Amino acid sequence: MEKGLTSATKTKRTHTDTGNSSGNNNNILDNALTSYNEAAKHVRMPTGIYDILRYCKRELTVNFPVRMDDGSVKTFTGYRVHHNTVRGPSKGGLRYHPSIDLDDVRALAMLMTWKCAVVGIPYGGAKGGIVCDPRQMSERELENMTRRYATEISILMSPGGDIPAPDINTNEQVMAWIMDTYSMHSGYSVPAVVTGKPLAIGGSPGRREATGRGVMFCVREALKHLNMPTKGATVAVQGFGKVGSAAAYLLQSKGLKVIGIGDVNGGIYNPNGIDVHDLLRYVKEEGASYVKSYPGCDAISNEELLSLECDVLVPAAMENQITGRNADKVKAKILAEGANGPTTPEADKILADKNVFVIPDILCNAGGVTVSYFEWVQGLQFFFWSEREINVKLREIMIRSFRDVLKISQQKTVRMRLAALILAIERVAEATRLRGIYP
């Protein structure tokens, strides 16, 4: 097992590299470290703590067999990485994707540490993933793979140690399989071992929409800060999964006008507004695979979607969507990052020069981990709250966190992303200092 952020192969960047000398701005580990280095210059801390926060605490790579429907056996590779645990158990999603690698998981685990710290949740950051294409697998094969992976990472996973959650291509059902697998090995039901579960087995009301709801709260605060009206403000959303769809209909419910929506296969545009609830119905009831087939709208590419003239742009898909290549085409006044790492450092500087107000991912999409924390607390106590209580508590935390970050941005005259990272690093560094170095 490797130490810290050192690379998985000789061709990968080591944790000591701080730049992008290769010229590749699409490595999210490079991006995470570049952002960390920039923010750390504004935080007073000993060199030793600076180095600790650049390393991942532990990393696990597992290669495991799964029996497929045709009787064959296929070997899959999975990862689970803990970046930091000084503020509490590690928390982070699990994604199924054919292109995920160890560097991706390291970077996303680091982002989770900062995200939890920004909103004041007592968690450290983790992330996990399996290299696979779930679209090419049956439900039985996905279940077999998930249960075997859960068994393999159970040496790290526990309610008090590491709590997985859904991410790209995983959902409530996947979390139910993981919870059941862990519970079967324990001999009793352990609902607090994962979050994002179905309500019937200990999930939390409001969890499904939590990330999108957090985006909505942040967008409304940004509009208020910029003295822009909420009613009629135009929105484009890239991504129509759990985050993008919830953000779209929640923003629409507050009076904003959604004029563009896209998914992996392209998007739609209607300057008069798109009925998001009807689009959701269409996708579900008509069996439509992609939003681009929705009638009454113009079909556009994702590149065109990102460059729409609008007040708010919500990238809610994958990493590295806004880069040095296309950032100058962004015409939105507010960029609300529903996805993890959708903007590269190079693009961030271009957006700053264009005076685009960026609500960074570690703040903007933190609604999900916040309600995951609520679900975990409820699972530990076997005592559950109402959805109204959940949403009220979420609103309080998101608004307070937005204002905390905005205050640092104004005091230090830095952009919002840098301010959020400064706040997060200060909190994790202080916890590290107080706990001390064992032994």
Protein backbone atom coordinates (compact mmCIF):
# COMPACT_ATOMS: atom_id res chain seq x y z
CA MET A 1 0.00 0.00 0.00
CA GLU A 2 1.32 3.40 -0.91
CA LYS A 3 1.77 6.29 1.44
CA GLY A 4 -0.18 9.51 1.15
CA LEU A 5 -0.70 11.05 -2.25
CA THR A 6 2.20 9.29 -3.89
CA SER A 7 1.21 7.96 -7.27
CA ALA A 8 -0.23 4.60 -8.19
CA THR A 9 2.15 4.20 -11.11
CA LYS A 10 5.36 5.83 -12.24
CA THR A 11 3.40 7.73 -14.85
CA LYS A 12 1.24 9.45 -12.24
CA ARG A 13 2.16 12.65 -10.40
CA THR A 14 3.55 12.30 -6.89
CA HIS A 15 2.18 14.19 -3.94
CA THR A 16 5.22 16.46 -3.86
CA ASP A 17 4.49 17.90 -7.28
CA THR A 18 2.72 21.21 -6.92
CA GLY A 19 2.31 22.43 -10.44
CA ASN A 20 1.06 21.24 -13.76
CA SER A 21 4.30 21.09 -15.65
CA SER A 22 2.93 18.44 -17.96
CA GLY A 23 0.43 20.98 -19.27
CA ASN A 24 -2.45 18.64 -18.45
CA ASN A 25 -5.08 20.61 -16.56
CA ASN A 26 -7.53 17.72 -16.40
CA ASN A 27 -5.94 15.66 -13.62
CA ILE A 28 -8.18 16.37 -10.66
CA LEU A 29 -5.44 15.40 -8.19
CA ASP A 30 -3.19 18.05 -9.72
CA ASN A 31 -6.05 20.51 -9.47
CA ALA A 32 -6.79 19.64 -5.84
CA LEU A 33 -3.15 20.03 -4.82
CA THR A 34 -2.74 23.26 -6.76
CA SER A 35 -5.77 24.72 -5.00
CA TYR A 36 -4.55 23.47 -1.63
CA ASN A 37 -1.11 25.01 -2.10
CA GLU A 38 -2.62 28.36 -3.04
CA ALA A 39 -4.98 28.43 -0.04
CA ALA A 40 -2.38 27.17 2.44
CA LYS A 41 -0.29 30.30 1.84
CA HIS A 42 -3.03 32.25 3.64
CA VAL A 43 -3.11 29.94 6.68
CA ARG A 44 -0.58 30.15 9.52
CA MET A 45 0.44 26.59 10.40
CA PRO A 46 3.66 24.66 10.97
CA THR A 47 5.26 22.97 7.98
CA GLY A 48 4.55 19.59 9.54
CA ILE A 49 0.80 20.20 9.58
CA TYR A 50 0.96 21.58 6.05
CA ASP A 51 2.51 18.29 4.93
CA ILE A 52 0.03 16.16 6.89
CA LEU A 53 -2.91 17.77 5.12
CA ARG A 54 -1.39 17.06 1.69
CA TYR A 55 -1.22 13.33 2.38
CA CYS A 56 -4.02 10.78 2.41
CA LYS A 57 -4.13 8.96 5.74
CA ARG A 58 -4.73 5.53 4.22
CA GLU A 59 -5.48 3.97 0.85
CA LEU A 60 -6.91 0.59 -0.04
CA THR A 61 -6.91 -1.00 -3.49
CA VAL A 62 -8.83 -4.26 -3.88
CA ASN A 63 -9.01 -6.65 -6.82
CA PHE A 64 -11.88 -9.08 -6.43
CA PRO A 65 -13.76 -11.69 -8.47
CA VAL A 66 -17.46 -11.51 -9.32
CA ARG A 67 -19.55 -14.23 -10.91
CA MET A 68 -21.44 -12.85 -13.91
CA ASP A 69 -24.84 -13.91 -15.24
CA ASP A 70 -23.31 -16.11 -17.95
CA GLY A 71 -21.37 -18.11 -15.35
CA SER A 72 -18.02 -16.48 -16.07
CA VAL A 73 -15.89 -14.82 -13.40
CA LYS A 74 -14.67 -11.26 -13.89
CA THR A 75 -12.13 -9.44 -11.74
CA PHE A 76 -12.88 -5.84 -10.75
CA THR A 77 -10.65 -3.19 -9.19
CA GLY A 78 -11.97 -1.03 -6.38
CA TYR A 79 -10.61 1.72 -4.15
CA ARG A 80 -11.33 3.27 -0.76
CA VAL A 81 -9.25 6.24 0.39
CA HIS A 82 -9.31 8.18 3.67
CA HIS A 83 -7.76 11.61 3.35
CA ASN A 84 -8.06 12.87 6.92
CA THR A 85 -9.86 11.88 10.12
CA VAL A 86 -8.81 14.47 12.73
CA ARG A 87 -12.28 16.04 12.87
CA GLY A 88 -14.24 12.79 12.92
CA PRO A 89 -14.97 9.57 11.01
CA SER A 90 -14.24 9.66 7.29
CA LYS A 91 -17.20 10.28 5.00
CA GLY A 92 -17.47 10.08 1.25
CA GLY A 93 -19.30 8.71 -1.73
CA LEU A 94 -18.83 5.60 -3.82
CA ARG A 95 -18.88 5.85 -7.60
CA TYR A 96 -19.03 3.24 -10.35
CA HIS A 97 -17.30 4.46 -13.49
CA PRO A 98 -15.07 2.92 -16.18
CA SER A 99 -12.46 5.69 -16.05
CA ILE A 100 -12.01 6.17 -12.30
CA ASP A 101 -8.48 5.65 -10.95
CA LEU A 102 -6.64 6.02 -7.66
CA ASP A 103 -5.65 9.63 -8.30
CA ASP A 104 -9.31 10.54 -8.84
CA VAL A 105 -10.28 8.91 -5.54
CA ARG A 106 -7.42 10.64 -3.68
CA ALA A 107 -8.47 14.04 -4.98
CA LEU A 108 -12.14 13.49 -4.22
CA ALA A 109 -11.31 12.30 -0.69
CA MET A 110 -9.35 15.50 -0.11
CA LEU A 111 -12.25 17.59 -1.40
CA MET A 112 -14.54 15.79 1.04
CA THR A 113 -12.31 16.78 3.96
CA TRP A 114 -12.56 20.44 2.97
CA LYS A 115 -16.29 20.17 2.28
CA CYS A 116 -17.09 18.76 5.72
CA ALA A 117 -14.89 21.39 7.38
CA VAL A 118 -16.48 24.30 5.48
CA VAL A 119 -19.97 23.44 6.74
CA GLY A 120 -18.74 22.47 10.21
CA ILE A 121 -19.70 18.80 10.02
CA PRO A 122 -17.57 16.55 12.32
CA TYR A 123 -16.29 14.32 9.55
CA GLY A 124 -13.06 13.76 7.67
CA GLY A 125 -12.94 13.05 3.96
CA ALA A 126 -13.08 9.73 2.13
CA LYS A 127 -13.99 8.44 -1.31
CA GLY A 128 -14.40 5.11 -3.01
CA GLY A 129 -14.97 3.66 -6.43
CA ILE A 130 -15.05 0.60 -8.64
CA VAL A 131 -13.71 0.54 -12.18
CA CYS A 132 -16.73 -0.70 -14.12
CA ASP A 133 -19.43 0.31 -16.57
CA PRO A 134 -22.69 -0.24 -14.69
CA ARG A 135 -24.71 0.35 -17.87
CA GLN A 136 -23.33 -2.92 -19.21
CA MET A 137 -24.24 -4.93 -16.09
CA SER A 138 -27.44 -6.53 -14.90
CA GLU A 139 -28.91 -5.75 -11.49
CA ARG A 140 -27.78 -9.15 -10.19
CA GLU A 141 -24.22 -8.52 -11.37
CA LEU A 142 -24.25 -5.07 -9.75
CA GLU A 143 -25.47 -6.58 -6.50
CA ASN A 144 -22.84 -9.31 -6.55
CA MET A 145 -20.09 -6.77 -7.27
CA THR A 146 -21.33 -4.36 -4.60
CA ARG A 147 -21.57 -6.98 -1.88
CA ARG A 148 -18.12 -8.37 -2.63
CA TYR A 149 -16.62 -4.85 -2.67
CA ALA A 150 -18.33 -4.07 0.64
CA THR A 151 -16.78 -7.19 2.14
CA GLU A 152 -13.34 -6.26 0.80
CA ILE A 153 -13.41 -2.72 2.27
CA SER A 154 -15.05 -3.77 5.54
CA ILE A 155 -11.60 -3.59 7.19
CA LEU A 156 -11.98 0.20 6.87
CA MET A 157 -15.76 0.65 6.97
CA SER A 158 -17.74 1.09 10.21
CA PRO A 159 -20.27 3.52 11.75
CA GLY A 160 -17.50 5.08 13.82
CA GLY A 161 -14.74 4.86 11.24
CA ASP A 162 -15.82 5.25 7.61
CA ILE A 163 -19.33 5.79 6.25
CA PRO A 164 -19.89 5.45 2.47
CA ALA A 165 -22.66 7.23 0.56
CA PRO A 166 -23.96 7.34 -3.03
CA ASP A 167 -22.09 9.15 -5.80
CA ILE A 168 -22.00 8.84 -9.59
CA ASN A 169 -23.81 5.68 -10.80
CA THR A 170 -24.67 4.54 -7.27
CA ASN A 171 -27.97 5.03 -5.46
CA GLU A 172 -30.17 4.05 -2.53
CA GLN A 173 -30.28 0.42 -3.63
CA VAL A 174 -26.49 0.17 -3.71
CA MET A 175 -26.35 1.59 -0.18
CA ALA A 176 -28.99 -0.93 0.93
CA TRP A 177 -26.83 -3.80 -0.37
CA ILE A 178 -23.77 -2.46 1.43
CA MET A 179 -25.66 -1.96 4.68
CA ASP A 180 -27.12 -5.47 4.48
CA THR A 181 -23.73 -7.04 3.73
CA TYR A 182 -22.09 -5.28 6.67
CA SER A 183 -25.04 -6.14 8.93
CA MET A 184 -24.95 -9.82 7.97
CA HIS A 185 -21.29 -10.01 8.97
CA SER A 186 -22.03 -8.15 12.22
CA GLY A 187 -25.00 -10.33 13.14
CA TYR A 188 -27.38 -7.40 13.65
CA SER A 189 -28.71 -4.43 11.72
CA VAL A 190 -26.26 -1.51 11.41
CA PRO A 191 -28.07 1.35 9.64
CA ALA A 192 -25.41 3.95 10.48
CA VAL A 193 -22.72 2.23 8.39
CA VAL A 194 -23.87 4.00 5.20
CA THR A 195 -26.01 7.00 4.33
CA GLY A 196 -28.25 7.64 1.35
CA LYS A 197 -30.28 4.50 2.13
CA PRO A 198 -33.96 3.95 1.35
CA LEU A 199 -36.32 5.32 3.99
CA ALA A 200 -37.62 1.82 4.77
CA ILE A 201 -34.26 0.75 6.22
CA GLY A 202 -33.15 3.89 8.03
CA GLY A 203 -32.67 6.50 5.34
CA SER A 204 -33.38 10.13 6.11
CA PRO A 205 -36.21 12.23 4.72
CA GLY A 206 -34.81 14.91 2.44
CA ARG A 207 -31.55 13.08 1.65
CA ARG A 208 -32.35 12.45 -2.01
CA GLU A 209 -32.79 16.17 -2.78
CA ALA A 210 -30.26 17.44 -0.22
CA THR A 211 -27.39 18.30 -2.56
CA GLY A 212 -29.67 20.08 -5.00
CA ARG A 213 -31.41 21.86 -2.13
CA GLY A 214 -28.06 23.08 -0.83
CA VAL A 215 -27.27 24.42 -4.32
CA MET A 216 -30.58 26.28 -4.27
CA PHE A 217 -29.87 27.87 -0.87
CA CYS A 218 -26.43 29.02 -2.05
CA VAL A 219 -27.75 30.44 -5.31
CA ARG A 220 -30.39 32.47 -3.47
CA GLU A 221 -27.75 33.85 -1.10
CA ALA A 222 -25.50 34.75 -4.04
CA LEU A 223 -28.33 36.55 -5.82
CA LYS A 224 -29.08 38.46 -2.62
CA HIS A 225 -25.40 39.38 -2.19
CA LEU A 226 -25.16 40.62 -5.79
CA ASN A 227 -28.45 42.54 -5.52
CA MET A 228 -29.97 40.48 -8.30
CA PRO A 229 -33.68 39.58 -8.26
CA THR A 230 -34.59 35.94 -7.67
CA LYS A 231 -37.83 35.99 -9.61
CA GLY A 232 -37.13 35.52 -13.29
CA ALA A 233 -33.38 34.95 -12.91
CA THR A 234 -32.32 32.58 -15.69
CA VAL A 235 -30.62 29.24 -15.00
CA ALA A 236 -28.80 26.62 -17.07
CA VAL A 237 -28.09 23.23 -15.50
CA GLN A 238 -25.52 20.77 -16.83
CA GLY A 239 -26.41 17.29 -15.59
CA PHE A 240 -29.87 15.87 -14.91
CA GLY A 241 -29.07 13.21 -12.35
CA LYS A 242 -29.74 13.33 -8.61
CA VAL A 243 -28.09 16.72 -8.13
CA GLY A 244 -28.93 18.54 -11.36
CA SER A 245 -32.58 17.53 -11.50
CA ALA A 246 -33.22 18.46 -7.85
CA ALA A 247 -31.37 21.78 -8.20
CA ALA A 248 -33.36 22.59 -11.36
CA TYR A 249 -36.84 22.02 -9.94
CA LEU A 250 -36.03 23.57 -6.56
CA LEU A 251 -34.64 26.71 -8.21
CA GLN A 252 -37.70 26.82 -10.45
CA SER A 253 -39.96 26.51 -7.40
CA LYS A 254 -38.34 29.68 -6.00
CA GLY A 255 -39.17 31.72 -9.09
CA LEU A 256 -36.05 31.28 -11.19
CA LYS A 257 -36.47 30.42 -14.88
CA VAL A 258 -34.64 27.30 -16.08
CA ILE A 259 -33.79 27.88 -19.76
CA GLY A 260 -31.25 25.12 -20.40
CA ILE A 261 -30.72 21.55 -19.19
CA GLY A 262 -28.25 18.94 -20.40
CA ASP A 263 -27.03 15.44 -19.72
CA VAL A 264 -24.22 13.29 -21.03
CA ASN A 265 -25.75 13.14 -24.52
CA GLY A 266 -26.59 16.79 -25.02
CA GLY A 267 -29.07 19.37 -23.87
CA ILE A 268 -32.18 21.41 -24.52
CA TYR A 269 -32.83 25.14 -24.60
CA ASN A 270 -35.96 27.22 -24.31
CA PRO A 271 -35.61 30.96 -23.61
CA ASN A 272 -39.19 31.02 -22.29
CA GLY A 273 -38.39 28.42 -19.66
CA ILE A 274 -38.49 24.63 -19.32
CA ASP A 275 -41.08 22.93 -17.12
CA VAL A 276 -38.67 20.86 -15.02
CA HIS A 277 -41.39 18.78 -13.35
CA ASP A 278 -42.82 17.86 -16.75
CA LEU A 279 -39.34 16.99 -18.01
CA LEU A 280 -38.88 14.69 -15.01
CA ARG A 281 -42.24 13.08 -15.77
CA TYR A 282 -41.28 12.71 -19.42
CA VAL A 283 -37.98 11.04 -18.64
CA LYS A 284 -39.63 8.67 -16.14
CA GLU A 285 -42.95 7.84 -17.82
CA GLU A 286 -41.99 7.97 -21.48
CA GLY A 287 -38.92 5.85 -20.94
CA ALA A 288 -36.79 8.54 -22.56
CA SER A 289 -33.07 7.95 -22.09
CA TYR A 290 -31.92 11.51 -22.63
CA VAL A 291 -33.33 14.97 -22.07
CA LYS A 292 -32.47 16.06 -25.62
CA SER A 293 -35.55 14.22 -26.95
CA TYR A 294 -37.92 16.38 -24.85
CA PRO A 295 -40.33 18.17 -27.22
CA GLY A 296 -40.82 21.91 -27.47
CA CYS A 297 -37.16 22.84 -26.96
CA ASP A 298 -34.12 23.39 -29.17
CA ALA A 299 -31.47 20.69 -29.02
CA ILE A 300 -28.03 22.02 -28.05
CA SER A 301 -24.64 20.53 -27.23
CA ASN A 302 -23.13 20.58 -23.76
CA GLU A 303 -20.58 23.12 -24.97
CA GLU A 304 -23.42 25.38 -26.05
CA LEU A 305 -25.18 24.81 -22.73
CA LEU A 306 -22.13 25.98 -20.77
CA SER A 307 -21.93 29.14 -22.86
CA LEU A 308 -25.61 30.15 -22.63
CA GLU A 309 -26.44 33.74 -21.74
CA CYS A 310 -27.90 33.29 -18.25
CA ASP A 311 -27.74 34.56 -14.70
CA VAL A 312 -26.83 31.24 -13.07
CA LEU A 313 -24.92 28.25 -14.47
CA VAL A 314 -25.02 25.02 -12.44
CA PRO A 315 -22.46 22.41 -13.55
CA ALA A 316 -23.83 19.27 -11.87
CA ALA A 317 -22.21 16.48 -13.87
CA MET A 318 -18.57 15.37 -13.86
CA GLU A 319 -15.20 16.94 -13.04
CA ASN A 320 -13.26 19.22 -15.40
CA GLN A 321 -16.19 20.53 -17.40
CA ILE A 322 -15.05 24.16 -17.37
CA THR A 323 -11.41 24.40 -18.37
CA GLY A 324 -8.95 26.88 -19.84
CA ARG A 325 -10.35 25.93 -23.23
CA ASN A 326 -13.94 27.04 -22.66
CA ALA A 327 -14.00 29.26 -19.54
CA ASP A 328 -13.86 32.45 -21.60
CA LYS A 329 -17.15 31.40 -23.25
CA VAL A 330 -19.06 31.26 -19.95
CA LYS A 331 -21.58 34.12 -19.91
CA ALA A 332 -23.26 33.38 -16.57
CA LYS A 333 -22.98 35.89 -13.73
CA ILE A 334 -23.02 33.15 -11.07
CA LEU A 335 -21.39 29.72 -11.31
CA ALA A 336 -22.88 27.34 -8.74
CA GLU A 337 -20.85 24.12 -8.64
CA GLY A 338 -23.22 21.22 -8.04
CA ALA A 339 -20.57 18.71 -9.16
CA ASN A 340 -17.22 17.96 -7.53
CA GLY A 341 -14.32 19.71 -9.22
CA PRO A 342 -16.13 20.90 -12.35
CA THR A 343 -13.78 23.88 -12.80
CA THR A 344 -10.01 23.64 -13.28
CA PRO A 345 -7.64 26.14 -11.58
CA GLU A 346 -6.80 27.67 -14.96
CA ALA A 347 -10.50 28.18 -15.70
CA ASP A 348 -11.04 29.59 -12.22
CA LYS A 349 -8.63 32.44 -12.93
CA ILE A 350 -10.32 33.19 -16.24
CA LEU A 351 -13.71 33.31 -14.52
CA ALA A 352 -12.29 35.64 -11.86
CA ASP A 353 -11.03 37.99 -14.59
CA LYS A 354 -14.53 37.92 -16.09
CA ASN A 355 -15.99 38.79 -12.67
CA VAL A 356 -18.07 35.60 -12.51
CA PHE A 357 -19.20 34.94 -8.93
CA VAL A 358 -18.23 31.32 -8.23
CA ILE A 359 -19.88 29.33 -5.45
CA PRO A 360 -17.25 26.58 -5.04
CA ASP A 361 -18.10 22.90 -4.92
CA ILE A 362 -16.94 22.37 -1.33
CA LEU A 363 -19.60 24.85 -0.27
CA CYS A 364 -22.25 24.69 -2.98
CA ASN A 365 -22.81 20.92 -3.05
CA ALA A 366 -22.28 20.32 0.68
CA GLY A 367 -26.00 19.84 1.28
CA GLY A 368 -25.62 16.15 0.54
CA VAL A 369 -22.99 15.43 3.16
CA THR A 370 -24.84 17.65 5.65
CA VAL A 371 -28.02 15.59 5.42
CA SER A 372 -25.89 12.43 5.34
CA TYR A 373 -24.60 13.57 8.71
CA PHE A 374 -28.19 13.97 9.90
CA GLU A 375 -28.98 10.46 8.62
CA TRP A 376 -25.93 9.02 10.40
CA VAL A 377 -26.90 10.67 13.69
CA GLN A 378 -30.45 9.35 13.35
CA GLY A 379 -29.15 5.86 12.56
CA LEU A 380 -26.88 5.83 15.60
CA GLN A 381 -29.77 6.82 17.86
CA PHE A 382 -32.55 4.93 16.06
CA PHE A 383 -34.50 8.17 16.39
CA PHE A 384 -35.73 9.92 13.25
CA TRP A 385 -36.64 13.50 12.41
CA SER A 386 -39.29 14.92 10.10
CA GLU A 387 -38.43 16.17 6.62
CA ARG A 388 -39.31 19.69 7.72
CA GLU A 389 -36.79 19.48 10.58
CA ILE A 390 -34.17 18.18 8.15
CA ASN A 391 -34.71 20.99 5.66
CA VAL A 392 -34.74 23.71 8.33
CA LYS A 393 -31.46 22.46 9.80
CA LEU A 394 -29.94 22.18 6.32
CA ARG A 395 -30.97 25.73 5.44
CA GLU A 396 -29.40 27.08 8.63
CA ILE A 397 -26.09 25.33 7.99
CA MET A 398 -25.87 26.24 4.29
CA ILE A 399 -26.68 29.91 4.81
CA ARG A 400 -24.31 30.22 7.77
CA SER A 401 -21.54 28.52 5.79
CA PHE A 402 -22.11 30.72 2.73
CA ARG A 403 -21.84 33.83 4.88
CA ASP A 404 -18.72 32.51 6.65
CA VAL A 405 -17.00 32.00 3.30
CA LEU A 406 -18.22 35.34 1.92
CA LYS A 407 -16.84 37.12 5.01
CA ILE A 408 -13.37 35.65 4.46
CA SER A 409 -13.58 36.48 0.75
CA GLN A 410 -14.29 40.12 1.58
CA GLN A 411 -11.80 40.40 4.45
CA LYS A 412 -8.89 38.90 2.52
CA THR A 413 -9.99 40.18 -0.91
CA VAL A 414 -9.87 36.71 -2.43
CA ARG A 415 -12.31 34.83 -4.63
CA MET A 416 -14.90 32.56 -3.03
CA ARG A 417 -13.14 29.27 -3.84
CA LEU A 418 -9.96 30.41 -2.15
CA ALA A 419 -11.94 31.73 0.81
CA ALA A 420 -13.73 28.38 1.25
CA LEU A 421 -10.45 26.48 1.15
CA ILE A 422 -8.84 28.87 3.62
CA LEU A 423 -11.73 28.34 6.05
CA ALA A 424 -11.58 24.56 5.66
CA ILE A 425 -7.81 24.29 6.00
CA GLU A 426 -7.81 26.54 9.07
CA ARG A 427 -10.37 24.30 10.77
CA VAL A 428 -8.58 21.04 9.96
CA ALA A 429 -5.16 22.49 10.85
CA GLU A 430 -6.48 23.73 14.19
CA ALA A 431 -7.98 20.33 14.99
CA THR A 432 -4.64 18.71 14.11
CA ARG A 433 -2.76 21.13 16.37
CA LEU A 434 -5.11 20.57 19.28
CA ARG A 435 -5.01 16.78 19.03
CA GLY A 436 -1.23 16.72 18.71
CA ILE A 437 1.00 14.10 17.12
CA TYR A 438 0.80 10.58 18.55
CA PRO A 439 2.85 9.21 20.28
